[in-house]
Amino acid sequence: MSKTGRLTTHVLDTALGKPAAGLRIDLYRLDGGERQLIRTVRTNSDGRVDDPLAEGAEFAAGHYELVFHAGDYLRAVGASLSEPAFLDLIPLRFGIADAASHYHVPLLLSPYGYSTYRGS
């Protein structure tokens, strides 16, 4: 069986202590100065995306960007936000060195802060 790489994510709302359901995420591949949209998805009730964001032929070594639409999500769950919101769009740029590996890029989110890491 051949091993193929893939990109996954999940989002946890640390202010509410639960998964961030319904949060929009855009995935871009970066090539020089160009950004190519690969896919737009929404998180499920577990804060995850049902399928990998990228895998197989569309998952190659290179630079990528995930854009998390945090402001829309936070407004939808009733968070008290300033206008403009402190966090609206959260872009995460990262590199894929080994396209045969699993890259998991989660986001821990609150109205005034976030963190990320390479998960498993």
Protein backbone atom coordinates (compact mmCIF):
# COMPACT_ATOMS: atom_id res chain seq x y z
CA MET A 1 0.00 0.00 0.00
CA SER A 2 1.47 3.38 -0.94
CA LYS A 3 1.51 6.14 1.59
CA THR A 4 0.10 9.46 0.40
CA GLY A 5 0.37 12.74 2.21
CA ARG A 6 -2.51 14.91 3.22
CA LEU A 7 -3.36 18.16 4.94
CA THR A 8 -5.93 18.32 7.73
CA THR A 9 -7.04 20.87 10.31
CA HIS A 10 -9.40 21.43 13.18
CA VAL A 11 -10.45 24.49 15.17
CA LEU A 12 -11.14 24.69 18.90
CA ASP A 13 -12.87 27.69 20.48
CA THR A 14 -10.88 28.12 23.69
CA ALA A 15 -13.19 30.87 24.99
CA LEU A 16 -16.20 28.53 24.89
CA GLY A 17 -14.24 25.34 25.54
CA LYS A 18 -15.64 23.49 22.55
CA PRO A 19 -15.06 22.79 18.85
CA ALA A 20 -15.60 25.73 16.49
CA ALA A 21 -18.42 24.45 14.28
CA GLY A 22 -19.29 26.17 11.01
CA LEU A 23 -16.05 28.15 10.66
CA ARG A 24 -15.07 28.89 7.05
CA ILE A 25 -11.52 28.03 5.96
CA ASP A 26 -9.87 28.84 2.62
CA LEU A 27 -6.80 26.91 1.47
CA TYR A 28 -4.36 28.53 -0.97
CA ARG A 29 -1.21 27.28 -2.65
CA LEU A 30 1.44 29.99 -2.88
CA ASP A 31 3.61 30.15 -5.97
CA GLY A 32 5.93 33.13 -6.01
CA GLY A 33 3.68 36.16 -5.64
CA GLU A 34 0.55 34.28 -6.71
CA ARG A 35 -2.10 32.72 -4.45
CA GLN A 36 -4.19 29.93 -5.97
CA LEU A 37 -7.38 28.96 -4.14
CA ILE A 38 -7.52 25.19 -3.77
CA ARG A 39 -10.63 24.79 -1.65
CA THR A 40 -13.09 26.48 0.70
CA VAL A 41 -14.58 24.38 3.50
CA ARG A 42 -16.47 24.71 6.79
CA THR A 43 -15.76 22.89 10.00
CA ASN A 44 -18.24 20.27 11.17
CA SER A 45 -19.78 19.95 14.65
CA ASP A 46 -16.48 18.54 15.94
CA GLY A 47 -14.51 21.56 14.62
CA ARG A 48 -12.96 19.36 11.94
CA VAL A 49 -13.20 19.21 8.18
CA ASP A 50 -14.87 16.04 6.88
CA ASP A 51 -12.19 15.29 4.26
CA PRO A 52 -8.53 16.26 3.94
CA LEU A 53 -8.02 19.80 2.69
CA ALA A 54 -5.52 18.47 0.17
CA GLU A 55 -4.19 15.04 -0.71
CA GLY A 56 -2.86 13.07 -3.63
CA ALA A 57 -1.82 15.03 -6.71
CA GLU A 58 -3.02 18.38 -5.28
CA PHE A 59 -0.79 17.94 -2.21
CA ALA A 60 2.77 18.79 -3.23
CA ALA A 61 5.82 20.24 -1.56
CA GLY A 62 5.65 24.02 -1.43
CA HIS A 63 4.11 26.91 0.43
CA TYR A 64 0.47 27.11 1.51
CA GLU A 65 -1.86 29.45 3.35
CA LEU A 66 -4.93 28.64 5.42
CA VAL A 67 -7.26 31.59 5.99
CA PHE A 68 -9.60 31.10 8.95
CA HIS A 69 -12.68 33.37 8.91
CA ALA A 70 -12.61 33.89 12.66
CA GLY A 71 -14.62 37.12 12.81
CA ASP A 72 -17.65 35.63 11.07
CA TYR A 73 -17.54 32.58 13.33
CA LEU A 74 -17.13 34.63 16.52
CA ARG A 75 -20.03 36.91 15.59
CA ALA A 76 -22.21 33.87 14.83
CA VAL A 77 -21.61 32.39 18.29
CA GLY A 78 -22.41 35.70 19.97
CA ALA A 79 -18.92 36.79 21.03
CA SER A 80 -18.70 40.43 22.05
CA LEU A 81 -16.40 41.96 19.44
CA SER A 82 -15.21 45.46 18.72
CA GLU A 83 -15.76 46.86 15.24
CA PRO A 84 -13.58 46.21 13.52
CA ALA A 85 -12.95 42.93 15.28
CA PHE A 86 -9.46 42.43 16.70
CA LEU A 87 -9.30 39.08 14.86
CA ASP A 88 -11.22 38.82 11.63
CA LEU A 89 -9.26 36.80 9.07
CA ILE A 90 -6.40 34.69 10.41
CA PRO A 91 -3.90 33.75 7.68
CA LEU A 92 -1.46 30.93 8.48
CA ARG A 93 1.39 30.41 6.04
CA PHE A 94 3.40 27.23 6.23
CA GLY A 95 5.60 24.99 4.14
CA ILE A 96 5.20 21.38 3.09
CA ALA A 97 8.59 19.72 2.72
CA ASP A 98 7.47 16.08 2.43
CA ALA A 99 4.35 15.52 0.35
CA ALA A 100 4.19 11.89 1.52
CA SER A 101 3.58 12.98 5.15
CA HIS A 102 0.49 13.97 7.07
CA TYR A 103 0.46 17.66 7.98
CA HIS A 104 -2.14 18.62 10.57
CA VAL A 105 -2.47 22.38 11.22
CA PRO A 106 -4.95 23.08 14.03
CA LEU A 107 -6.09 26.45 15.32
CA LEU A 108 -6.93 27.30 18.93
CA LEU A 109 -9.11 30.40 18.82
CA SER A 110 -10.57 33.05 21.13
CA PRO A 111 -11.79 36.60 20.34
CA TYR A 112 -8.41 38.14 21.23
CA GLY A 113 -5.85 35.45 20.54
CA TYR A 114 -4.98 32.28 18.71
CA SER A 115 -2.27 29.67 18.47
CA THR A 116 -1.32 26.92 16.10
CA TYR A 117 1.18 24.09 15.80
CA ARG A 118 1.99 21.12 13.62
CA GLY A 119 -0.16 18.35 15.01
CA SER A 120 -0.43 14.68 14.21
